[in-house]
Amino acid sequence: MSFPYKKNIEKSMKKFYDSLCEKNKRRYAAIESEKLSHGGVNY
């Protein structure tokens, strides 16, 4: 699977994700997985 985000966007997303508590990390990951559809969970 190719990466769906540019490196700078992915870096910003990672920084935001790292600032979240565990509960919100799971929520954020679920939303991103839904947005990416097929292969989103693996990504």
N, C-alpha and C. Protein backbone atom coordinates (compact mmCIF):
# COMPACT_ATOMS: atom_id res chain seq x y z
N MET A 1 0.84 -1.18 0.00
CA MET A 1 0.00 0.00 0.00
C MET A 1 0.89 1.24 0.00
N SER A 2 0.56 2.18 -0.85
CA SER A 2 1.30 3.44 -0.84
C SER A 2 0.77 4.31 0.30
N PHE A 3 1.59 5.23 0.73
CA PHE A 3 1.19 6.08 1.84
C PHE A 3 0.26 7.18 1.33
N PRO A 4 -0.91 7.32 1.95
CA PRO A 4 -1.91 8.26 1.44
C PRO A 4 -1.65 9.72 1.81
N TYR A 5 -0.70 9.98 2.69
CA TYR A 5 -0.44 11.35 3.12
C TYR A 5 0.99 11.76 2.76
N LYS A 6 1.18 13.03 2.51
CA LYS A 6 2.52 13.57 2.29
C LYS A 6 3.27 13.50 3.62
N LYS A 7 4.60 13.45 3.53
CA LYS A 7 5.44 13.30 4.73
C LYS A 7 5.20 14.40 5.75
N ASN A 8 5.07 15.65 5.31
CA ASN A 8 4.88 16.75 6.26
C ASN A 8 3.52 16.67 6.96
N ILE A 9 2.49 16.22 6.24
CA ILE A 9 1.17 16.04 6.84
C ILE A 9 1.21 14.89 7.84
N GLU A 10 1.84 13.81 7.45
CA GLU A 10 1.95 12.65 8.34
C GLU A 10 2.71 13.01 9.61
N LYS A 11 3.73 13.82 9.49
CA LYS A 11 4.51 14.26 10.67
C LYS A 11 3.62 15.08 11.61
N SER A 12 2.82 15.98 11.06
CA SER A 12 1.90 16.78 11.87
C SER A 12 0.85 15.91 12.56
N MET A 13 0.35 14.94 11.83
CA MET A 13 -0.66 14.03 12.40
C MET A 13 -0.06 13.23 13.55
N LYS A 14 1.18 12.77 13.38
CA LYS A 14 1.87 12.01 14.42
C LYS A 14 2.09 12.86 15.67
N LYS A 15 2.50 14.10 15.45
CA LYS A 15 2.72 15.01 16.58
C LYS A 15 1.41 15.24 17.35
N PHE A 16 0.32 15.45 16.62
CA PHE A 16 -1.00 15.63 17.25
C PHE A 16 -1.40 14.37 18.00
N TYR A 17 -1.25 13.23 17.35
CA TYR A 17 -1.60 11.94 17.96
C TYR A 17 -0.85 11.72 19.27
N ASP A 18 0.43 12.03 19.27
CA ASP A 18 1.26 11.85 20.47
C ASP A 18 0.82 12.75 21.62
N SER A 19 0.10 13.82 21.33
CA SER A 19 -0.35 14.73 22.38
C SER A 19 -1.67 14.28 23.04
N LEU A 20 -2.30 13.26 22.47
CA LEU A 20 -3.60 12.81 22.97
C LEU A 20 -3.47 11.79 24.09
N CYS A 21 -4.51 11.72 24.93
CA CYS A 21 -4.58 10.65 25.93
C CYS A 21 -4.97 9.35 25.21
N GLU A 22 -4.82 8.23 25.88
CA GLU A 22 -5.06 6.92 25.26
C GLU A 22 -6.45 6.81 24.64
N LYS A 23 -7.47 7.26 25.37
CA LYS A 23 -8.85 7.19 24.89
C LYS A 23 -9.01 7.94 23.57
N ASN A 24 -8.45 9.14 23.50
CA ASN A 24 -8.58 9.94 22.28
C ASN A 24 -7.68 9.45 21.16
N LYS A 25 -6.56 8.81 21.49
CA LYS A 25 -5.73 8.18 20.46
C LYS A 25 -6.53 7.11 19.74
N ARG A 26 -7.27 6.32 20.49
CA ARG A 26 -8.08 5.26 19.89
C ARG A 26 -9.17 5.84 19.00
N ARG A 27 -9.79 6.91 19.45
CA ARG A 27 -10.82 7.58 18.65
C ARG A 27 -10.23 8.12 17.34
N TYR A 28 -9.11 8.80 17.47
CA TYR A 28 -8.46 9.39 16.30
C TYR A 28 -8.05 8.30 15.30
N ALA A 29 -7.48 7.22 15.80
CA ALA A 29 -7.08 6.12 14.94
C ALA A 29 -8.29 5.51 14.22
N ALA A 30 -9.40 5.39 14.93
CA ALA A 30 -10.61 4.84 14.31
C ALA A 30 -11.12 5.74 13.19
N ILE A 31 -11.09 7.04 13.41
CA ILE A 31 -11.55 7.98 12.39
C ILE A 31 -10.65 7.92 11.16
N GLU A 32 -9.35 7.91 11.38
CA GLU A 32 -8.41 7.84 10.25
C GLU A 32 -8.59 6.52 9.49
N SER A 33 -8.81 5.44 10.20
CA SER A 33 -9.02 4.15 9.57
C SER A 33 -10.26 4.18 8.68
N GLU A 34 -11.32 4.79 9.16
CA GLU A 34 -12.55 4.92 8.37
C GLU A 34 -12.31 5.78 7.12
N LYS A 35 -11.56 6.85 7.26
CA LYS A 35 -11.29 7.75 6.13
C LYS A 35 -10.51 7.02 5.04
N LEU A 36 -9.58 6.16 5.44
CA LEU A 36 -8.73 5.48 4.48
C LEU A 36 -9.37 4.26 3.85
N SER A 37 -10.47 3.81 4.42
CA SER A 37 -11.22 2.68 3.89
C SER A 37 -10.35 1.43 3.81
N HIS A 38 -10.32 0.75 2.67
CA HIS A 38 -9.60 -0.50 2.51
C HIS A 38 -8.11 -0.30 2.80
N GLY A 39 -7.59 -1.07 3.73
CA GLY A 39 -6.18 -0.98 4.09
C GLY A 39 -5.90 0.03 5.18
N GLY A 40 -6.90 0.77 5.63
CA GLY A 40 -6.71 1.80 6.64
C GLY A 40 -6.23 1.28 7.97
N VAL A 41 -6.72 0.15 8.38
CA VAL A 41 -6.33 -0.43 9.67
C VAL A 41 -4.85 -0.82 9.63
N ASN A 42 -4.43 -1.42 8.53
CA ASN A 42 -3.02 -1.81 8.39
C ASN A 42 -2.09 -0.61 8.37
N TYR A 43 -2.52 0.46 7.72
CA TYR A 43 -1.70 1.65 7.62
C TYR A 43 -1.51 2.25 8.99
